[in-house]
PDB file of all heavy atoms in Angstrom:
ATOM      1  N   LEU A   1       0.863  -1.201   0.014  1.00  0.00           N
ATOM      2  CA  LEU A   1       0.013   0.009   0.002  1.00  0.00           C
ATOM      3  C   LEU A   1       0.868   1.276   0.015  1.00  0.00           C
ATOM      4  O   LEU A   1       0.549   2.240  -0.647  1.00  0.00           O
ATOM      5  CB  LEU A   1      -0.952   0.026   1.203  1.00  0.00           C
ATOM      6  CG  LEU A   1      -2.091  -1.002   1.162  1.00  0.00           C
ATOM      7  CD1 LEU A   1      -2.923  -0.900   2.376  1.00  0.00           C
ATOM      8  CD2 LEU A   1      -2.970  -0.829  -0.103  1.00  0.00           C
ATOM      9  N   GLU A   2       1.948   1.267   0.731  1.00  0.00           N
ATOM     10  CA  GLU A   2       2.837   2.367   0.701  1.00  0.00           C
ATOM     11  C   GLU A   2       3.477   2.603  -0.648  1.00  0.00           C
ATOM     12  O   GLU A   2       3.660   3.722  -1.101  1.00  0.00           O
ATOM     13  CB  GLU A   2       3.939   2.187   1.786  1.00  0.00           C
ATOM     14  CG  GLU A   2       3.403   2.334   3.194  1.00  0.00           C
ATOM     15  CD  GLU A   2       4.454   1.968   4.273  1.00  0.00           C
ATOM     16  OE1 GLU A   2       5.586   1.510   3.858  1.00  0.00           O
ATOM     17  OE2 GLU A   2       4.154   2.109   5.475  1.00  0.00           O
ATOM     18  N   THR A   3       3.828   1.515  -1.338  1.00  0.00           N
ATOM     19  CA  THR A   3       4.397   1.582  -2.663  1.00  0.00           C
ATOM     20  C   THR A   3       3.373   2.178  -3.650  1.00  0.00           C
ATOM     21  O   THR A   3       3.678   3.039  -4.458  1.00  0.00           O
ATOM     22  CB  THR A   3       4.812   0.245  -3.127  1.00  0.00           C
ATOM     23  OG1 THR A   3       5.773  -0.300  -2.205  1.00  0.00           O
ATOM     24  CG2 THR A   3       5.489   0.324  -4.519  1.00  0.00           C
ATOM     25  N   ILE A   4       2.102   1.712  -3.532  1.00  0.00           N
ATOM     26  CA  ILE A   4       1.053   2.219  -4.378  1.00  0.00           C
ATOM     27  C   ILE A   4       0.897   3.705  -4.156  1.00  0.00           C
ATOM     28  O   ILE A   4       0.716   4.520  -5.082  1.00  0.00           O
ATOM     29  CB  ILE A   4      -0.243   1.435  -4.168  1.00  0.00           C
ATOM     30  CG1 ILE A   4      -0.101   0.006  -4.734  1.00  0.00           C
ATOM     31  CG2 ILE A   4      -1.415   2.161  -4.848  1.00  0.00           C
ATOM     32  CD1 ILE A   4      -1.243  -0.866  -4.320  1.00  0.00           C
ATOM     33  N   GLN A   5       0.850   4.111  -2.878  1.00  0.00           N
ATOM     34  CA  GLN A   5       0.676   5.519  -2.502  1.00  0.00           C
ATOM     35  C   GLN A   5       1.812   6.346  -3.132  1.00  0.00           C
ATOM     36  O   GLN A   5       1.526   7.445  -3.717  1.00  0.00           O
ATOM     37  CB  GLN A   5       0.657   5.693  -0.994  1.00  0.00           C
ATOM     38  CG  GLN A   5       0.533   7.105  -0.552  1.00  0.00           C
ATOM     39  CD  GLN A   5       0.696   7.275   0.951  1.00  0.00           C
ATOM     40  OE1 GLN A   5       1.025   6.328   1.619  1.00  0.00           O
ATOM     41  NE2 GLN A   5       0.488   8.478   1.401  1.00  0.00           N
ATOM     42  N   THR A   6       3.011   5.877  -3.017  1.00  0.00           N
ATOM     43  CA  THR A   6       4.154   6.652  -3.545  1.00  0.00           C
ATOM     44  C   THR A   6       4.035   6.773  -5.082  1.00  0.00           C
ATOM     45  O   THR A   6       4.285   7.849  -5.653  1.00  0.00           O
ATOM     46  CB  THR A   6       5.431   5.917  -3.192  1.00  0.00           C
ATOM     47  OG1 THR A   6       5.535   5.800  -1.739  1.00  0.00           O
ATOM     48  CG2 THR A   6       6.661   6.668  -3.682  1.00  0.00           C
ATOM     49  N   ASP A   7       3.657   5.680  -5.715  1.00  0.00           N
ATOM     50  CA  ASP A   7       3.507   5.674  -7.185  1.00  0.00           C
ATOM     51  C   ASP A   7       2.391   6.675  -7.636  1.00  0.00           C
ATOM     52  O   ASP A   7       2.561   7.427  -8.606  1.00  0.00           O
ATOM     53  CB  ASP A   7       3.274   4.313  -7.744  1.00  0.00           C
ATOM     54  CG  ASP A   7       4.466   3.420  -7.608  1.00  0.00           C
ATOM     55  OD1 ASP A   7       5.570   3.903  -7.363  1.00  0.00           O
ATOM     56  OD2 ASP A   7       4.297   2.189  -7.756  1.00  0.00           O
ATOM     57  N   VAL A   8       1.264   6.621  -6.952  1.00  0.00           N
ATOM     58  CA  VAL A   8       0.125   7.509  -7.336  1.00  0.00           C
ATOM     59  C   VAL A   8       0.538   8.969  -7.113  1.00  0.00           C
ATOM     60  O   VAL A   8       0.222   9.785  -7.960  1.00  0.00           O
ATOM     61  CB  VAL A   8      -1.121   7.123  -6.508  1.00  0.00           C
ATOM     62  CG1 VAL A   8      -2.199   8.173  -6.662  1.00  0.00           C
ATOM     63  CG2 VAL A   8      -1.592   5.752  -6.955  1.00  0.00           C
ATOM     64  N   ILE A   9       1.123   9.275  -6.006  1.00  0.00           N
ATOM     65  CA  ILE A   9       1.577  10.654  -5.757  1.00  0.00           C
ATOM     66  C   ILE A   9       2.585  11.090  -6.779  1.00  0.00           C
ATOM     67  O   ILE A   9       2.535  12.242  -7.265  1.00  0.00           O
ATOM     68  CB  ILE A   9       2.111  10.805  -4.285  1.00  0.00           C
ATOM     69  CG1 ILE A   9       0.983  10.626  -3.300  1.00  0.00           C
ATOM     70  CG2 ILE A   9       2.838  12.098  -4.170  1.00  0.00           C
ATOM     71  CD1 ILE A   9       1.418  10.595  -1.851  1.00  0.00           C
ATOM     72  N   SER A  10       3.490  10.211  -7.178  1.00  0.00           N
ATOM     73  CA  SER A  10       4.441  10.528  -8.233  1.00  0.00           C
ATOM     74  C   SER A  10       3.718  10.841  -9.539  1.00  0.00           C
ATOM     75  O   SER A  10       4.127  11.821 -10.245  1.00  0.00           O
ATOM     76  CB  SER A  10       5.382   9.377  -8.372  1.00  0.00           C
ATOM     77  OG  SER A  10       6.248   9.606  -9.428  1.00  0.00           O
ATOM     78  N   MET A  11       2.761  10.078  -9.912  1.00  0.00           N
ATOM     79  CA  MET A  11       1.998  10.269 -11.142  1.00  0.00           C
ATOM     80  C   MET A  11       1.263  11.591 -11.100  1.00  0.00           C
ATOM     81  O   MET A  11       1.224  12.360 -12.068  1.00  0.00           O
ATOM     82  CB  MET A  11       1.080   9.108 -11.449  1.00  0.00           C
ATOM     83  CG  MET A  11       1.764   7.888 -11.951  1.00  0.00           C
ATOM     84  SD  MET A  11       0.635   6.620 -12.469  1.00  0.00           S
ATOM     85  CE  MET A  11       0.358   5.795 -10.948  1.00  0.00           C
ATOM     86  N   ILE A  12       0.644  11.887  -9.950  1.00  0.00           N
ATOM     87  CA  ILE A  12      -0.117  13.122  -9.803  1.00  0.00           C
ATOM     88  C   ILE A  12       0.782  14.332  -9.922  1.00  0.00           C
ATOM     89  O   ILE A  12       0.459  15.293 -10.595  1.00  0.00           O
ATOM     90  CB  ILE A  12      -0.910  13.161  -8.495  1.00  0.00           C
ATOM     91  CG1 ILE A  12      -2.051  12.120  -8.542  1.00  0.00           C
ATOM     92  CG2 ILE A  12      -1.436  14.518  -8.171  1.00  0.00           C
ATOM     93  CD1 ILE A  12      -2.755  11.928  -7.233  1.00  0.00           C
ATOM     94  N   THR A  13       1.898  14.285  -9.285  1.00  0.00           N
ATOM     95  CA  THR A  13       2.828  15.451  -9.355  1.00  0.00           C
ATOM     96  C   THR A  13       3.421  15.589 -10.690  1.00  0.00           C
ATOM     97  O   THR A  13       3.863  16.695 -11.057  1.00  0.00           O
ATOM     98  CB  THR A  13       3.966  15.296  -8.250  1.00  0.00           C
ATOM     99  OG1 THR A  13       4.670  14.060  -8.485  1.00  0.00           O
ATOM    100  CG2 THR A  13       3.411  15.371  -6.844  1.00  0.00           C
ATOM    101  N   THR A  14       3.474  14.524 -11.512  1.00  0.00           N
ATOM    102  CA  THR A  14       3.987  14.659 -12.865  1.00  0.00           C
ATOM    103  C   THR A  14       2.854  15.223 -13.784  1.00  0.00           C
ATOM    104  O   THR A  14       3.144  16.085 -14.589  1.00  0.00           O
ATOM    105  CB  THR A  14       4.385  13.226 -13.436  1.00  0.00           C
ATOM    106  OG1 THR A  14       5.403  12.761 -12.529  1.00  0.00           O
ATOM    107  CG2 THR A  14       4.854  13.359 -14.846  1.00  0.00           C
ATOM    108  N   ALA A  15       1.659  14.844 -13.591  1.00  0.00           N
ATOM    109  CA  ALA A  15       0.559  15.200 -14.520  1.00  0.00           C
ATOM    110  C   ALA A  15      -0.092  16.534 -14.112  1.00  0.00           C
ATOM    111  O   ALA A  15      -0.630  17.228 -14.949  1.00  0.00           O
ATOM    112  CB  ALA A  15      -0.541  14.121 -14.493  1.00  0.00           C
ATOM    113  N   LEU A  16      -0.005  16.901 -12.860  1.00  0.00           N
ATOM    114  CA  LEU A  16      -0.691  18.137 -12.405  1.00  0.00           C
ATOM    115  C   LEU A  16      -0.268  19.408 -13.104  1.00  0.00           C
ATOM    116  O   LEU A  16      -1.101  20.171 -13.557  1.00  0.00           O
ATOM    117  CB  LEU A  16      -0.619  18.237 -10.884  1.00  0.00           C
ATOM    118  CG  LEU A  16      -1.443  19.309 -10.224  1.00  0.00           C
ATOM    119  CD1 LEU A  16      -2.955  19.065 -10.456  1.00  0.00           C
ATOM    120  CD2 LEU A  16      -1.174  19.419  -8.768  1.00  0.00           C
ATOM    121  N   PRO A  17       1.042  19.705 -13.239  1.00  0.00           N
ATOM    122  CA  PRO A  17       1.424  20.949 -13.912  1.00  0.00           C
ATOM    123  C   PRO A  17       0.960  20.968 -15.355  1.00  0.00           C
ATOM    124  O   PRO A  17       0.514  22.034 -15.847  1.00  0.00           O
ATOM    125  CB  PRO A  17       2.947  20.921 -13.802  1.00  0.00           C
ATOM    126  CG  PRO A  17       3.290  19.995 -12.760  1.00  0.00           C
ATOM    127  CD  PRO A  17       2.217  19.005 -12.664  1.00  0.00           C
ATOM    128  N   ILE A  18       0.961  19.817 -16.023  1.00  0.00           N
ATOM    129  CA  ILE A  18       0.545  19.809 -17.445  1.00  0.00           C
ATOM    130  C   ILE A  18      -0.954  20.072 -17.516  1.00  0.00           C
ATOM    131  O   ILE A  18      -1.458  20.809 -18.358  1.00  0.00           O
ATOM    132  CB  ILE A  18       0.917  18.446 -18.076  1.00  0.00           C
ATOM    133  CG1 ILE A  18       2.402  18.299 -18.068  1.00  0.00           C
ATOM    134  CG2 ILE A  18       0.355  18.302 -19.434  1.00  0.00           C
ATOM    135  CD1 ILE A  18       2.931  16.898 -18.406  1.00  0.00           C
ATOM    136  N   ALA A  19      -1.730  19.401 -16.609  1.00  0.00           N
ATOM    137  CA  ALA A  19      -3.207  19.525 -16.573  1.00  0.00           C
ATOM    138  C   ALA A  19      -3.597  21.007 -16.268  1.00  0.00           C
ATOM    139  O   ALA A  19      -4.485  21.546 -16.841  1.00  0.00           O
ATOM    140  CB  ALA A  19      -3.794  18.629 -15.602  1.00  0.00           C
ATOM    141  N   LEU A  20      -2.855  21.590 -15.294  1.00  0.00           N
ATOM    142  CA  LEU A  20      -3.166  23.011 -14.995  1.00  0.00           C
ATOM    143  C   LEU A  20      -2.860  23.933 -16.132  1.00  0.00           C
ATOM    144  O   LEU A  20      -3.626  24.908 -16.370  1.00  0.00           O
ATOM    145  CB  LEU A  20      -2.390  23.385 -13.721  1.00  0.00           C
ATOM    146  CG  LEU A  20      -2.865  22.798 -12.442  1.00  0.00           C
ATOM    147  CD1 LEU A  20      -1.921  23.219 -11.288  1.00  0.00           C
ATOM    148  CD2 LEU A  20      -4.286  23.169 -12.093  1.00  0.00           C
ATOM    149  N   ALA A  21      -1.820  23.694 -16.898  1.00  0.00           N
ATOM    150  CA  ALA A  21      -1.474  24.496 -18.012  1.00  0.00           C
ATOM    151  C   ALA A  21      -2.561  24.364 -19.080  1.00  0.00           C
ATOM    152  O   ALA A  21      -2.982  25.401 -19.661  1.00  0.00           O
ATOM    153  CB  ALA A  21      -0.104  24.085 -18.581  1.00  0.00           C
ATOM    154  N   ILE A  22      -2.944  23.178 -19.370  1.00  0.00           N
ATOM    155  CA  ILE A  22      -4.034  22.980 -20.367  1.00  0.00           C
ATOM    156  C   ILE A  22      -5.305  23.672 -19.921  1.00  0.00           C
ATOM    157  O   ILE A  22      -6.015  24.342 -20.678  1.00  0.00           O
ATOM    158  CB  ILE A  22      -4.259  21.477 -20.606  1.00  0.00           C
ATOM    159  CG1 ILE A  22      -3.019  20.917 -21.361  1.00  0.00           C
ATOM    160  CG2 ILE A  22      -5.514  21.266 -21.510  1.00  0.00           C
ATOM    161  CD1 ILE A  22      -2.987  19.406 -21.453  1.00  0.00           C
ATOM    162  N   LEU A  23      -5.697  23.511 -18.654  1.00  0.00           N
ATOM    163  CA  LEU A  23      -6.887  24.114 -18.098  1.00  0.00           C
ATOM    164  C   LEU A  23      -6.804  25.635 -18.161  1.00  0.00           C
ATOM    165  O   LEU A  23      -7.764  26.297 -18.535  1.00  0.00           O
ATOM    166  CB  LEU A  23      -7.145  23.685 -16.672  1.00  0.00           C
ATOM    167  CG  LEU A  23      -8.358  24.239 -15.973  1.00  0.00           C
ATOM    168  CD1 LEU A  23      -9.610  23.751 -16.641  1.00  0.00           C
ATOM    169  CD2 LEU A  23      -8.357  23.865 -14.491  1.00  0.00           C
ATOM    170  N   GLY A  24      -5.615  26.158 -17.877  1.00  0.00           N
ATOM    171  CA  GLY A  24      -5.426  27.599 -17.950  1.00  0.00           C
ATOM    172  C   GLY A  24      -5.588  28.157 -19.381  1.00  0.00           C
ATOM    173  O   GLY A  24      -6.130  29.240 -19.638  1.00  0.00           O
ATOM    174  N   ILE A  25      -5.115  27.384 -20.375  1.00  0.00           N
ATOM    175  CA  ILE A  25      -5.247  27.799 -21.733  1.00  0.00           C
ATOM    176  C   ILE A  25      -6.696  27.813 -22.147  1.00  0.00           C
ATOM    177  O   ILE A  25      -7.164  28.810 -22.747  1.00  0.00           O
ATOM    178  CB  ILE A  25      -4.488  26.813 -22.687  1.00  0.00           C
ATOM    179  CG1 ILE A  25      -2.969  27.044 -22.493  1.00  0.00           C
ATOM    180  CG2 ILE A  25      -4.864  27.021 -24.137  1.00  0.00           C
ATOM    181  CD1 ILE A  25      -2.075  25.965 -23.170  1.00  0.00           C
ATOM    182  N   PHE A  26      -7.494  26.818 -21.806  1.00  0.00           N
ATOM    183  CA  PHE A  26      -8.901  26.799 -22.064  1.00  0.00           C
ATOM    184  C   PHE A  26      -9.668  27.938 -21.412  1.00  0.00           C
ATOM    185  O   PHE A  26     -10.549  28.566 -22.022  1.00  0.00           O
ATOM    186  CB  PHE A  26      -9.543  25.461 -21.740  1.00  0.00           C
ATOM    187  CG  PHE A  26      -9.271  24.341 -22.732  1.00  0.00           C
ATOM    188  CD1 PHE A  26      -8.568  23.221 -22.333  1.00  0.00           C
ATOM    189  CD2 PHE A  26      -9.678  24.464 -24.056  1.00  0.00           C
ATOM    190  CE1 PHE A  26      -8.280  22.234 -23.283  1.00  0.00           C
ATOM    191  CE2 PHE A  26      -9.399  23.514 -24.964  1.00  0.00           C
ATOM    192  CZ  PHE A  26      -8.674  22.356 -24.589  1.00  0.00           C
ATOM    193  N   ILE A  27      -9.337  28.208 -20.183  1.00  0.00           N
ATOM    194  CA  ILE A  27      -9.982  29.328 -19.456  1.00  0.00           C
ATOM    195  C   ILE A  27      -9.644  30.696 -20.119  1.00  0.00           C
ATOM    196  O   ILE A  27     -10.468  31.531 -20.281  1.00  0.00           O
ATOM    197  CB  ILE A  27      -9.604  29.362 -17.991  1.00  0.00           C
ATOM    198  CG1 ILE A  27     -10.255  28.106 -17.281  1.00  0.00           C
ATOM    199  CG2 ILE A  27     -10.033  30.593 -17.268  1.00  0.00           C
ATOM    200  CD1 ILE A  27      -9.819  27.929 -15.844  1.00  0.00           C
ATOM    201  N   ALA A  28      -8.340  30.838 -20.502  1.00  0.00           N
ATOM    202  CA  ALA A  28      -7.928  32.076 -21.185  1.00  0.00           C
ATOM    203  C   ALA A  28      -8.640  32.244 -22.512  1.00  0.00           C
ATOM    204  O   ALA A  28      -9.114  33.383 -22.858  1.00  0.00           O
ATOM    205  CB  ALA A  28      -6.412  32.059 -21.344  1.00  0.00           C
ATOM    206  N   ILE A  29      -8.824  31.172 -23.254  1.00  0.00           N
ATOM    207  CA  ILE A  29      -9.531  31.288 -24.539  1.00  0.00           C
ATOM    208  C   ILE A  29     -10.945  31.593 -24.291  1.00  0.00           C
ATOM    209  O   ILE A  29     -11.501  32.500 -24.979  1.00  0.00           O
ATOM    210  CB  ILE A  29      -9.373  29.938 -25.320  1.00  0.00           C
ATOM    211  CG1 ILE A  29      -7.922  29.741 -25.791  1.00  0.00           C
ATOM    212  CG2 ILE A  29     -10.366  29.872 -26.524  1.00  0.00           C
ATOM    213  CD1 ILE A  29      -7.679  28.424 -26.371  1.00  0.00           C
TER     214      ILE A  29
END
């Protein structure tokens, strides 16, 4: 469970900046 938690947090921290940038572009448009 600790390994799964670490992997999920790692994936989220990788994807979050990209998702926020895409969301920001759509809001700006």
